[in-house]
N, C-alpha and C. Protein backbone atom coordinates (compact mmCIF):
# COMPACT_ATOMS: atom_id res chain seq x y z
N MET A 1 52.06 71.34 -101.31
CA MET A 1 51.81 72.54 -101.61
C MET A 1 50.69 73.24 -100.33
N ILE A 2 50.99 73.99 -100.44
CA ILE A 2 49.93 74.96 -99.08
C ILE A 2 48.96 76.01 -99.56
N ALA A 3 48.13 75.93 -99.24
CA ALA A 3 47.35 77.50 -99.65
C ALA A 3 46.16 77.82 -98.56
N LYS A 4 45.95 79.07 -98.72
CA LYS A 4 44.65 79.52 -97.78
C LYS A 4 43.55 79.72 -98.71
N ALA A 5 42.34 78.90 -98.30
CA ALA A 5 41.08 79.01 -98.72
C ALA A 5 39.67 79.58 -98.18
N THR A 6 38.98 80.27 -98.99
CA THR A 6 37.72 80.67 -97.95
C THR A 6 36.53 79.71 -98.44
N LEU A 7 36.09 78.77 -97.67
CA LEU A 7 34.80 77.92 -97.64
C LEU A 7 33.36 78.53 -98.50
N THR A 8 32.71 77.94 -98.37
CA THR A 8 31.26 78.60 -99.18
C THR A 8 30.44 79.01 -97.93
N ASP A 9 30.95 78.73 -96.72
CA ASP A 9 30.27 79.17 -95.03
C ASP A 9 31.12 80.09 -94.60
N LYS A 10 32.32 80.53 -95.30
CA LYS A 10 32.67 81.92 -95.10
C LYS A 10 33.94 81.46 -93.95
N ARG A 11 34.32 80.01 -93.68
CA ARG A 11 35.30 79.97 -92.68
C ARG A 11 36.82 79.79 -93.68
N THR A 12 37.79 80.32 -92.92
CA THR A 12 38.97 80.21 -93.91
C THR A 12 39.84 78.96 -93.00
N VAL A 13 40.39 78.47 -94.22
CA VAL A 13 41.07 77.04 -94.20
C VAL A 13 42.68 77.20 -94.41
N VAL A 14 43.46 76.64 -93.90
CA VAL A 14 44.87 76.69 -94.48
C VAL A 14 45.03 74.89 -94.73
N VAL A 15 44.87 74.53 -96.11
CA VAL A 15 44.93 73.02 -96.56
C VAL A 15 45.72 73.02 -97.31
N GLU A 16 46.56 71.87 -97.41
CA GLU A 16 47.40 70.77 -97.69
C GLU A 16 47.24 70.48 -99.45
N LEU A 17 47.65 70.87 -100.42
CA LEU A 17 47.22 70.19 -101.75
C LEU A 17 48.17 69.34 -102.26
N VAL A 18 47.54 68.11 -102.18
CA VAL A 18 48.25 66.83 -102.79
C VAL A 18 48.14 66.57 -103.86
N PRO A 19 48.26 66.65 -105.12
CA PRO A 19 47.40 65.89 -106.52
C PRO A 19 47.19 64.72 -106.57
N GLY A 20 45.85 64.46 -106.93
CA GLY A 20 45.35 63.52 -106.73
C GLY A 20 44.09 63.07 -105.55
N THR A 21 44.65 63.59 -104.60
CA THR A 21 43.80 63.13 -103.04
C THR A 21 42.82 64.72 -102.76
N PRO A 22 41.75 64.23 -102.06
CA PRO A 22 40.92 65.14 -101.55
C PRO A 22 41.33 66.46 -100.58
N LEU A 23 41.57 67.67 -100.51
CA LEU A 23 42.34 68.61 -99.91
C LEU A 23 42.30 68.18 -98.49
N VAL A 24 43.23 68.40 -97.60
CA VAL A 24 43.01 67.87 -96.16
C VAL A 24 43.37 69.07 -95.74
N PRO A 25 42.15 69.57 -94.93
CA PRO A 25 42.40 70.80 -93.89
C PRO A 25 43.26 70.74 -92.83
N THR A 26 44.28 71.96 -92.76
CA THR A 26 45.62 71.76 -91.59
C THR A 26 44.80 72.59 -90.31
N LEU A 27 44.38 73.79 -90.87
CA LEU A 27 43.83 74.66 -89.72
C LEU A 27 42.31 75.54 -90.19
N ILE A 28 41.67 75.81 -89.20
CA ILE A 28 39.90 76.26 -89.79
C ILE A 28 40.08 77.10 -88.63
N THR A 29 39.03 78.17 -89.00
CA THR A 29 38.71 79.39 -88.37
C THR A 29 37.55 78.80 -87.55
N GLY A 30 37.69 79.23 -86.43
CA GLY A 30 36.08 78.78 -85.55
C GLY A 30 36.45 77.40 -84.61
N ALA A 31 37.46 76.76 -85.13
CA ALA A 31 38.33 75.55 -84.79
C ALA A 31 38.76 75.68 -83.28
N PRO A 32 38.72 75.31 -82.30
CA PRO A 32 39.47 75.34 -81.14
C PRO A 32 40.91 75.61 -81.28
N ALA A 33 41.58 76.18 -80.45
CA ALA A 33 43.31 77.07 -80.57
C ALA A 33 43.66 76.36 -79.52
N THR A 34 43.60 75.16 -78.99
CA THR A 34 44.23 74.61 -77.89
C THR A 34 45.43 74.99 -77.54
N ALA A 35 46.44 75.04 -78.70
CA ALA A 35 47.56 75.02 -78.46
C ALA A 35 47.91 76.36 -77.62
N LEU A 36 46.98 77.79 -77.93
CA LEU A 36 47.23 78.74 -76.99
C LEU A 36 46.40 78.61 -75.84
N HIS A 37 45.56 78.07 -75.92
CA HIS A 37 44.57 77.93 -74.45
C HIS A 37 42.94 77.51 -74.34
N THR A 38 42.68 76.39 -73.87
CA THR A 38 40.94 75.68 -74.07
C THR A 38 40.19 76.43 -74.93
N ALA A 39 40.19 77.77 -74.27
CA ALA A 39 39.14 78.47 -74.33
C ALA A 39 38.94 79.66 -75.63
N THR A 40 40.07 79.46 -76.35
CA THR A 40 40.50 80.11 -77.52
C THR A 40 39.99 79.29 -79.17
N THR A 41 39.75 80.55 -79.96
CA THR A 41 39.37 79.72 -81.37
C THR A 41 39.92 80.22 -82.34
N TRP A 42 40.37 80.33 -83.24
CA TRP A 42 40.74 80.66 -84.25
C TRP A 42 40.38 81.35 -85.28
N ALA A 43 40.45 82.75 -85.14
CA ALA A 43 39.96 83.71 -86.04
C ALA A 43 40.27 84.13 -87.34
N THR A 44 41.34 84.24 -87.81
CA THR A 44 41.86 84.59 -89.00
C THR A 44 43.25 83.85 -89.12
N PHE A 45 43.67 83.83 -90.50
CA PHE A 45 45.02 83.06 -90.93
C PHE A 45 45.44 84.25 -91.77
N ALA A 46 46.77 84.09 -92.05
CA ALA A 46 47.63 84.92 -93.21
C ALA A 46 47.73 84.07 -94.14
N VAL A 47 48.40 84.46 -95.30
CA VAL A 47 48.55 83.35 -96.14
C VAL A 47 49.89 82.76 -95.91
N PRO A 48 50.04 81.72 -95.96
CA PRO A 48 51.17 80.48 -95.25
C PRO A 48 52.37 80.55 -95.91
N ALA A 49 53.47 80.31 -95.64
CA ALA A 49 54.50 80.04 -96.05
C ALA A 49 54.96 78.42 -95.96
N LEU A 50 55.16 78.22 -96.90
CA LEU A 50 55.76 76.83 -97.00
C LEU A 50 57.74 76.84 -97.44
N ALA A 51 58.39 75.95 -96.71
CA ALA A 51 59.66 75.69 -96.47
C ALA A 51 59.82 74.96 -97.45
N HIS A 52 61.00 75.42 -98.27
CA HIS A 52 62.07 74.95 -99.41
C HIS A 52 61.80 73.11 -99.50
N SER A 53 61.69 72.66 -98.13
CA SER A 53 61.38 71.36 -98.24
C SER A 53 59.99 70.69 -98.39
N GLY A 54 59.30 71.44 -98.37
CA GLY A 54 57.84 71.32 -99.02
C GLY A 54 57.15 70.66 -97.92
N ARG A 55 57.66 70.59 -96.63
CA ARG A 55 56.92 70.16 -95.63
C ARG A 55 56.43 71.19 -94.40
N ALA A 56 57.83 72.33 -93.58
CA ALA A 56 57.38 72.90 -92.74
C ALA A 56 56.62 74.36 -93.33
N ILE A 57 55.47 74.47 -92.32
CA ILE A 57 55.05 75.80 -92.70
C ILE A 57 54.86 76.70 -91.72
N ALA A 58 55.09 77.99 -91.77
CA ALA A 58 54.88 79.29 -91.06
C ALA A 58 53.59 79.88 -91.57
N VAL A 59 52.73 80.16 -90.72
CA VAL A 59 51.55 81.14 -91.13
C VAL A 59 51.40 81.91 -89.58
N ALA A 60 50.73 83.28 -89.71
CA ALA A 60 50.28 84.20 -88.79
C ALA A 60 48.99 83.77 -88.56
N ALA A 61 48.47 84.07 -87.69
CA ALA A 61 47.15 83.53 -86.89
C ALA A 61 46.87 84.61 -85.93
N THR A 62 45.38 84.95 -86.10
CA THR A 62 44.88 85.41 -84.55
C THR A 62 43.30 84.68 -84.01
N VAL A 63 43.38 85.05 -82.54
CA VAL A 63 42.47 84.10 -82.01
C VAL A 63 41.06 85.17 -82.16
N LYS A 64 39.90 84.44 -81.52
CA LYS A 64 38.79 85.49 -81.25
C LYS A 64 38.94 86.13 -80.20
N PRO A 65 38.42 87.00 -79.27
CA PRO A 65 39.01 87.48 -78.07
C PRO A 65 37.84 86.88 -77.08
N VAL A 66 38.59 86.70 -76.21
CA VAL A 66 38.13 85.69 -74.70
C VAL A 66 38.42 86.79 -73.59
N ALA A 67 37.22 87.22 -72.53
CA ALA A 67 37.80 87.42 -71.38
C ALA A 67 39.13 86.99 -70.66
N ASP A 68 39.74 87.87 -70.01
CA ASP A 68 40.83 87.63 -69.01
C ASP A 68 41.71 86.66 -70.21
N VAL A 69 41.87 86.21 -71.50
CA VAL A 69 42.93 84.94 -71.78
C VAL A 69 43.38 85.66 -73.07
N ALA A 70 42.18 86.47 -74.21
CA ALA A 70 43.06 86.77 -75.58
C ALA A 70 41.92 88.10 -75.89
N THR A 71 42.98 89.20 -75.65
CA THR A 71 42.73 89.95 -76.08
C THR A 71 43.36 90.98 -77.11
N ALA A 72 43.13 92.14 -77.68
CA ALA A 72 44.07 92.82 -78.57
C ALA A 72 45.39 93.05 -78.42
N LYS A 73 45.61 93.00 -77.60
CA LYS A 73 47.33 92.51 -76.95
C LYS A 73 47.98 91.50 -77.13
N ASN A 74 47.33 90.27 -77.27
CA ASN A 74 47.79 88.97 -77.22
C ASN A 74 46.89 88.24 -78.26
N ASP A 75 46.42 88.68 -79.12
CA ASP A 75 45.67 87.55 -80.30
C ASP A 75 46.31 87.57 -81.12
N THR A 76 47.31 87.85 -81.25
CA THR A 76 48.16 87.36 -83.02
C THR A 76 49.59 86.22 -82.08
N MET A 77 49.67 85.36 -83.30
CA MET A 77 50.75 84.79 -83.03
C MET A 77 51.22 84.17 -84.46
N LEU A 78 52.39 83.55 -84.32
CA LEU A 78 53.21 82.95 -85.29
C LEU A 78 52.71 81.44 -85.13
N LEU A 79 52.16 80.58 -85.97
CA LEU A 79 52.19 79.14 -85.60
C LEU A 79 53.35 78.50 -86.94
N TYR A 80 53.57 77.59 -86.06
CA TYR A 80 54.85 76.86 -87.04
C TYR A 80 54.87 75.31 -86.73
N SER A 81 54.91 74.50 -88.10
CA SER A 81 55.07 72.95 -88.15
C SER A 81 55.92 72.54 -88.83
N ALA A 82 57.01 71.64 -88.18
CA ALA A 82 57.99 71.00 -88.98
C ALA A 82 57.28 69.98 -89.93
N ASP A 83 56.07 69.14 -89.65
CA ASP A 83 55.69 67.98 -90.04
C ASP A 83 54.39 68.52 -91.46
N GLY A 84 53.78 69.62 -91.07
CA GLY A 84 52.81 69.77 -92.01
C GLY A 84 51.41 69.56 -91.07
N VAL A 85 51.56 69.26 -89.90
CA VAL A 85 50.58 68.55 -88.99
C VAL A 85 50.47 69.15 -87.61
N ASN A 86 51.61 69.22 -86.75
CA ASN A 86 51.72 69.66 -85.69
C ASN A 86 52.38 70.89 -85.40
N PHE A 87 51.60 71.93 -84.88
CA PHE A 87 51.87 73.21 -85.03
C PHE A 87 52.17 73.80 -83.37
N SER A 88 53.02 74.73 -83.63
CA SER A 88 53.54 75.15 -82.33
C SER A 88 53.33 76.65 -82.24
N VAL A 89 53.25 77.51 -81.53
CA VAL A 89 52.70 78.67 -81.11
C VAL A 89 53.62 79.56 -80.85
N SER A 90 53.82 80.35 -81.25
CA SER A 90 54.70 81.90 -80.86
C SER A 90 54.25 83.08 -80.64
N THR A 91 54.27 83.29 -79.47
CA THR A 91 53.47 84.71 -79.49
C THR A 91 54.37 85.92 -79.17
N SER A 92 55.46 85.97 -79.56
CA SER A 92 57.02 86.91 -79.40
C SER A 92 56.35 87.50 -80.13
N PRO A 93 56.48 89.30 -79.68
CA PRO A 93 56.33 90.26 -80.76
C PRO A 93 57.60 90.60 -81.77
N SER A 94 58.85 90.08 -81.32
CA SER A 94 59.76 90.31 -82.25
C SER A 94 59.52 89.36 -83.86
N LEU A 95 59.10 88.26 -83.13
CA LEU A 95 59.06 87.13 -84.65
C LEU A 95 57.70 87.57 -85.32
N ILE A 96 56.59 88.36 -84.60
CA ILE A 96 55.38 88.41 -85.37
C ILE A 96 55.68 89.67 -85.95
N ALA A 97 56.34 90.76 -85.76
CA ALA A 97 56.15 92.02 -86.16
C ALA A 97 56.84 92.25 -87.28
């Protein structure tokens, strides 16, 4: 199971929920978004979607603005993970809209 949660320090996390185990943060706002660029950090996450198989995850995300790297025109993307751990990034407007 996967969920979006807000921590007491106001960061947002996407977490994996496994009964009987501690929460496992998968994505955290403020953390480096190196899949896009080494200078970017995650700003927001939408509610994640989990595949029927229970492992694949998709979630819309934005990064904080960085001059000449991330602007309002390219700060939104779709993240996809087939294994729930390693994410790839799509910035294609047709997939995000």
